[in-house]
C-alpha cells in the first residue's frame, strides 16, 4: 500500500494570496502546499482518492496522477470537495462509465445538492459531466478487497470521518478524537493527523495538540498535515519528537499491505 500526498495545506493553501510572510515567500518546495488530499494505492494497483480539493487538476498534473478508481470523502467543506468536476477526466481516462464516491450521509447529501448534475442521467444533460454513484458510509466498507474503516472525529462541533486502512490512519480536519475512536487507532504503522499551527484553533489541532494525540495513539510514525503558513517545513521539523514530521506535497510512503 502506498500513500501519496497530493496536498498538505490548509483551506487557503500555502503560499496564501497576498501574503509576504517568510513561509509564503520560501523557495523550499516543501513550503508549497495545495489543499489537503491523498491517494491510496492498494496492493493490486487500485487507486483511491481521498477528497477532491479545488487544486485537484494541478495536483494530478504535479504528481502524474492519471488513474482514480474510487473517491472517499472525509467531509463536505469547500476545500475538500470543490474539485469534484475534475473527476470527469479520470472517468474518461478509464474509458467511460461511472465512479463511486463514498462519504457519510451528510457529505453525500451535500454533494448531491451542490453537484446535482454529476448524479443525474447524462442522457438528459449531454456529455462532459462526471457520472458519479454515491455510496453512504455508515461502517466498514471494501474497495477492491481492502477494508476501509471510518474513524469518527470532531472538526469543531461537526463529526466527520477519518479513515483507517490496515496499519495506516488519516485524520485530517480534526480538533478532537472521541474516546470511542481511540480503540480504532491502535497498532498503527503510520498516523497522518491535522496540525494547523502552533496557536490553538477551534476546529483544528494545534501542532502541540497533534503531538499529544500522536503519542496517545502509539503510532510508530506520525506525519502532520493541513498546515497553514505559520509552520515552516524545515524549522518545524527541527524541533519535532523522533518519529514525527510534517508531511509535504508529493511525499510518497509505502506501507505493508492492507487486504482483508
Protein backbone atom coordinates (compact mmCIF):
# COMPACT_ATOMS: atom_id res chain seq x y z
CA UNK A 1 0.00 0.00 0.00
CA UNK A 2 1.33 3.41 -0.97
CA UNK A 3 0.21 6.78 0.37
CA UNK A 4 0.90 9.82 -1.83
CA UNK A 5 0.26 13.31 -0.51
CA UNK A 6 -1.38 15.50 -3.14
CA UNK A 7 -1.80 18.40 -0.73
CA UNK A 8 -0.85 19.16 2.87
CA UNK A 9 -2.03 22.75 3.28
CA UNK A 10 -4.94 24.43 4.94
CA UNK A 11 -8.09 25.74 3.24
CA UNK A 12 -6.30 28.78 1.73
CA UNK A 13 -3.20 26.87 0.67
CA UNK A 14 0.41 27.97 1.06
CA UNK A 15 1.51 30.46 -0.14
CA UNK A 16 -1.59 32.47 0.67
CA UNK A 17 -2.75 35.12 -1.79
CA UNK A 18 -1.12 38.47 -0.99
CA UNK A 19 0.97 37.22 1.94
CA UNK A 20 4.63 38.20 2.31
CA UNK A 21 5.49 36.11 5.38
CA UNK A 22 8.67 34.02 5.41
CA UNK A 23 6.89 30.73 4.71
CA UNK A 24 4.75 32.12 1.88
CA UNK A 25 7.89 33.59 0.30
CA UNK A 26 10.01 30.49 0.95
CA UNK A 27 11.71 28.94 -2.11
CA UNK A 28 11.62 25.49 -0.50
CA UNK A 29 9.26 23.14 -2.36
CA UNK A 30 8.12 21.63 0.95
CA UNK A 31 6.63 25.02 1.86
CA UNK A 32 4.32 24.99 -1.19
CA UNK A 33 1.09 23.35 -0.04
CA UNK A 34 -2.02 22.57 -2.03
CA UNK A 35 -5.28 21.89 -0.18
CA UNK A 36 -5.29 18.57 1.76
CA UNK A 37 -5.71 15.30 -0.12
CA UNK A 38 -4.04 11.92 -0.54
CA UNK A 39 -4.11 9.00 -2.94
CA UNK A 40 -4.04 5.47 -1.50
CA UNK A 41 -2.68 2.86 -3.91
CA UNK A 42 -3.77 -0.64 -2.93
CA UNK A 43 -1.69 -3.78 -3.42
CA UNK A 44 -3.39 -4.58 -6.73
CA UNK A 45 -2.83 -1.10 -8.15
CA UNK A 46 -6.31 0.24 -7.33
CA UNK A 47 -6.04 3.96 -6.60
CA UNK A 48 -8.40 5.68 -4.17
CA UNK A 49 -8.54 9.46 -3.99
CA UNK A 50 -9.38 10.95 -0.59
CA UNK A 51 -11.23 14.24 -1.14
CA UNK A 52 -11.41 16.34 -4.31
CA UNK A 53 -9.84 19.68 -3.48
CA UNK A 54 -10.11 22.85 -5.59
CA UNK A 55 -6.49 22.12 -6.58
CA UNK A 56 -7.19 18.63 -7.96
CA UNK A 57 -6.23 19.39 -11.57
CA UNK A 58 -2.92 20.95 -10.52
CA UNK A 59 -2.29 18.17 -8.01
CA UNK A 60 -2.86 15.49 -10.62
CA UNK A 61 -0.54 17.17 -13.09
CA UNK A 62 2.15 17.70 -10.44
CA UNK A 63 2.11 14.06 -9.30
CA UNK A 64 1.34 12.35 -12.59
CA UNK A 65 -2.00 11.06 -11.32
CA UNK A 66 -3.92 9.54 -14.24
CA UNK A 67 -5.99 6.84 -12.52
CA UNK A 68 -8.73 7.12 -9.90
CA UNK A 69 -10.81 4.01 -9.19
CA UNK A 70 -12.88 5.40 -6.30
CA UNK A 71 -13.20 8.52 -4.17
CA UNK A 72 -13.57 8.65 -0.39
CA UNK A 73 -14.66 11.88 1.28
CA UNK A 74 -13.84 12.96 4.82
CA UNK A 75 -16.47 15.74 4.84
CA UNK A 76 -18.09 18.34 2.62
CA UNK A 77 -16.23 21.58 3.32
CA UNK A 78 -15.22 23.55 0.24
CA UNK A 79 -11.50 22.79 0.42
CA UNK A 80 -12.29 19.06 0.30
CA UNK A 81 -14.95 18.85 -2.42
CA UNK A 82 -14.77 21.75 -4.88
CA UNK A 83 -12.59 19.86 -7.36
CA UNK A 84 -15.29 17.25 -7.91
CA UNK A 85 -15.87 18.19 -11.56
CA UNK A 86 -12.26 17.20 -12.36
CA UNK A 87 -13.34 13.57 -11.84
CA UNK A 88 -14.79 13.57 -15.35
CA UNK A 89 -11.24 13.41 -16.75
CA UNK A 90 -10.38 10.32 -14.71
CA UNK A 91 -13.60 8.66 -15.88
CA UNK A 92 -12.67 9.46 -19.49
CA UNK A 93 -9.17 8.03 -19.00
CA UNK A 94 -10.62 4.68 -17.94
CA UNK A 95 -12.88 4.60 -20.99
CA UNK A 96 -16.09 6.00 -19.54
CA UNK A 97 -18.65 4.56 -17.17
CA UNK A 98 -19.14 5.69 -13.61
CA UNK A 99 -17.10 6.38 -10.50
CA UNK A 100 -18.22 5.56 -6.97
CA UNK A 101 -17.85 8.26 -4.31
CA UNK A 102 -18.00 7.29 -0.63
CA UNK A 103 -18.91 9.55 2.29
CA UNK A 104 -21.17 9.85 5.31
CA UNK A 105 -24.83 10.66 4.75
CA UNK A 106 -24.39 14.39 5.34
CA UNK A 107 -21.50 14.60 2.89
CA UNK A 108 -23.33 12.67 0.18
CA UNK A 109 -26.40 14.89 0.65
CA UNK A 110 -24.22 18.00 0.30
CA UNK A 111 -22.54 16.65 -2.84
CA UNK A 112 -25.93 15.92 -4.40
CA UNK A 113 -27.14 19.42 -3.53
CA UNK A 114 -24.08 21.26 -4.90
CA UNK A 115 -23.21 18.95 -7.81
CA UNK A 116 -26.60 17.54 -8.76
CA UNK A 117 -25.66 17.24 -12.43
CA UNK A 118 -22.96 14.68 -11.57
CA UNK A 119 -25.56 12.32 -10.11
CA UNK A 120 -28.14 12.73 -12.89
CA UNK A 121 -28.64 10.94 -16.17
CA UNK A 122 -26.11 12.09 -18.80
CA UNK A 123 -28.72 11.41 -21.47
CA UNK A 124 -30.67 14.36 -20.10
CA UNK A 125 -27.68 16.64 -19.62
CA UNK A 126 -25.43 15.89 -22.56
CA UNK A 127 -21.76 14.97 -22.36
CA UNK A 128 -18.87 16.48 -20.45
CA UNK A 129 -20.08 15.71 -16.92
CA UNK A 130 -18.81 13.18 -14.38
CA UNK A 131 -21.13 10.23 -13.80
CA UNK A 132 -20.94 9.52 -10.08
CA UNK A 133 -22.50 6.77 -7.98
CA UNK A 134 -22.94 7.67 -4.30
CA UNK A 135 -22.15 5.19 -1.52
CA UNK A 136 -23.14 6.20 2.01
CA UNK A 137 -20.55 5.21 4.61
CA UNK A 138 -22.05 4.05 7.90
CA UNK A 139 -19.46 1.43 8.83
CA UNK A 140 -16.51 -0.51 7.36
CA UNK A 141 -16.59 -0.89 3.58
CA UNK A 142 -14.41 -2.59 0.97
CA UNK A 143 -12.69 -1.20 -2.10
CA UNK A 144 -11.00 -3.83 -4.29
CA UNK A 145 -10.81 -6.30 -1.40
CA UNK A 146 -9.34 -3.81 1.06
CA UNK A 147 -11.31 -2.74 4.13
CA UNK A 148 -11.69 0.97 4.88
CA UNK A 149 -12.69 1.66 8.46
CA UNK A 150 -14.28 5.05 9.22
CA UNK A 151 -12.87 6.73 12.32
CA UNK A 152 -15.26 9.35 13.75
CA UNK A 153 -13.50 12.58 14.79
CA UNK A 154 -14.69 16.07 15.61
CA UNK A 155 -13.96 19.04 13.37
CA UNK A 156 -15.13 21.73 15.73
CA UNK A 157 -18.72 20.74 16.54
CA UNK A 158 -19.18 18.62 13.44
CA UNK A 159 -18.44 14.91 13.41
CA UNK A 160 -16.59 13.87 10.27
CA UNK A 161 -14.70 10.78 9.15
CA UNK A 162 -11.08 9.92 9.34
CA UNK A 163 -10.20 6.53 7.88
CA UNK A 164 -8.06 3.53 8.78
CA UNK A 165 -6.74 1.15 6.13
CA UNK A 166 -4.60 -1.63 7.59
CA UNK A 167 -1.83 -0.03 9.65
CA UNK A 168 -2.50 3.45 8.28
CA UNK A 169 -4.89 6.13 9.54
CA UNK A 170 -5.71 9.52 8.03
CA UNK A 171 -7.29 12.14 10.34
CA UNK A 172 -7.47 15.45 8.57
CA UNK A 173 -9.54 18.42 9.85
CA UNK A 174 -9.53 17.09 13.40
CA UNK A 175 -9.87 19.00 16.67
CA UNK A 176 -10.84 16.12 18.96
CA UNK A 177 -10.74 12.34 18.90
CA UNK A 178 -13.71 10.88 20.83
CA UNK A 179 -12.96 8.23 23.43
CA UNK A 180 -14.74 5.62 21.33
CA UNK A 181 -12.39 6.22 18.39
CA UNK A 182 -9.08 5.63 20.15
CA UNK A 183 -9.50 1.86 20.02
CA UNK A 184 -9.67 2.16 16.22
CA UNK A 185 -6.19 3.71 16.19
CA UNK A 186 -4.23 1.01 17.98
CA UNK A 187 -1.21 -0.65 16.37
CA UNK A 188 -0.66 1.90 13.60
CA UNK A 189 2.41 1.90 11.39
CA UNK A 190 1.58 5.43 10.21
CA UNK A 191 -0.74 8.10 11.53
CA UNK A 192 -1.42 11.22 9.46
CA UNK A 193 -3.12 13.87 11.55
CA UNK A 194 -4.19 17.52 11.39
CA UNK A 195 -1.72 20.10 12.81
CA UNK A 196 -2.80 23.55 11.68
CA UNK A 197 -0.38 25.83 13.53
CA UNK A 198 1.30 26.47 16.90
CA UNK A 199 -1.61 28.51 18.30
CA UNK A 200 -4.90 26.96 19.40
CA UNK A 201 -7.79 26.86 16.92
CA UNK A 202 -11.46 25.95 17.50
CA UNK A 203 -11.75 23.40 14.68
CA UNK A 204 -8.23 22.00 14.20
CA UNK A 205 -5.50 20.52 16.35
CA UNK A 206 -2.60 22.83 17.07
CA UNK A 207 0.80 21.27 16.50
CA UNK A 208 1.31 20.58 20.21
CA UNK A 209 -2.17 19.03 20.48
CA UNK A 210 -1.44 16.85 17.47
CA UNK A 211 1.82 15.67 19.06
CA UNK A 212 -0.09 14.67 22.20
CA UNK A 213 -2.66 12.81 20.11
CA UNK A 214 0.06 11.03 18.14
CA UNK A 215 1.74 9.89 21.33
CA UNK A 216 -1.55 8.62 22.73
CA UNK A 217 -2.19 6.62 19.56
CA UNK A 218 1.16 4.85 19.89
CA UNK A 219 1.72 5.03 16.13
CA UNK A 220 5.20 4.02 15.08
CA UNK A 221 5.41 7.03 12.77
CA UNK A 222 3.39 10.23 12.53
CA UNK A 223 3.13 12.76 9.71
CA UNK A 224 1.26 16.03 10.15
CA UNK A 225 -0.95 17.62 7.52
CA UNK A 226 -3.33 20.56 6.94
CA UNK A 227 -0.63 23.09 7.93
CA UNK A 228 -1.05 26.82 7.45
CA UNK A 229 1.73 29.32 6.71
CA UNK A 230 2.65 29.58 10.39
CA UNK A 231 4.65 26.35 10.12
CA UNK A 232 7.79 26.40 8.01
CA UNK A 233 8.78 22.88 6.98
CA UNK A 234 12.44 22.76 7.93
CA UNK A 235 12.14 24.97 11.00
CA UNK A 236 9.23 22.96 12.42
CA UNK A 237 10.75 19.55 11.74
CA UNK A 238 13.91 20.60 13.59
CA UNK A 239 12.12 20.55 16.94
CA UNK A 240 9.58 17.73 16.50
CA UNK A 241 9.90 14.50 18.51
CA UNK A 242 11.58 11.48 16.96
CA UNK A 243 9.28 9.64 14.58
CA UNK A 244 7.20 12.73 13.82
CA UNK A 245 7.46 15.19 10.93
CA UNK A 246 5.45 17.47 8.68
CA UNK A 247 4.25 15.82 5.51
CA UNK A 248 4.74 17.69 2.23
CA UNK A 249 3.13 17.71 -1.20
CA UNK A 250 4.50 14.88 -3.32
CA UNK A 251 5.67 12.75 -0.39
CA UNK A 252 5.05 9.04 -1.02
CA UNK A 253 5.14 6.44 1.75
CA UNK A 254 4.95 2.66 1.23
CA UNK A 255 3.43 0.53 3.98
CA UNK A 256 2.60 -3.18 4.49
CA UNK A 257 -0.46 -4.36 2.57
CA UNK A 258 -3.97 -3.85 3.91
CA UNK A 259 -6.11 -6.53 2.26
CA UNK A 260 -8.95 -8.17 4.18
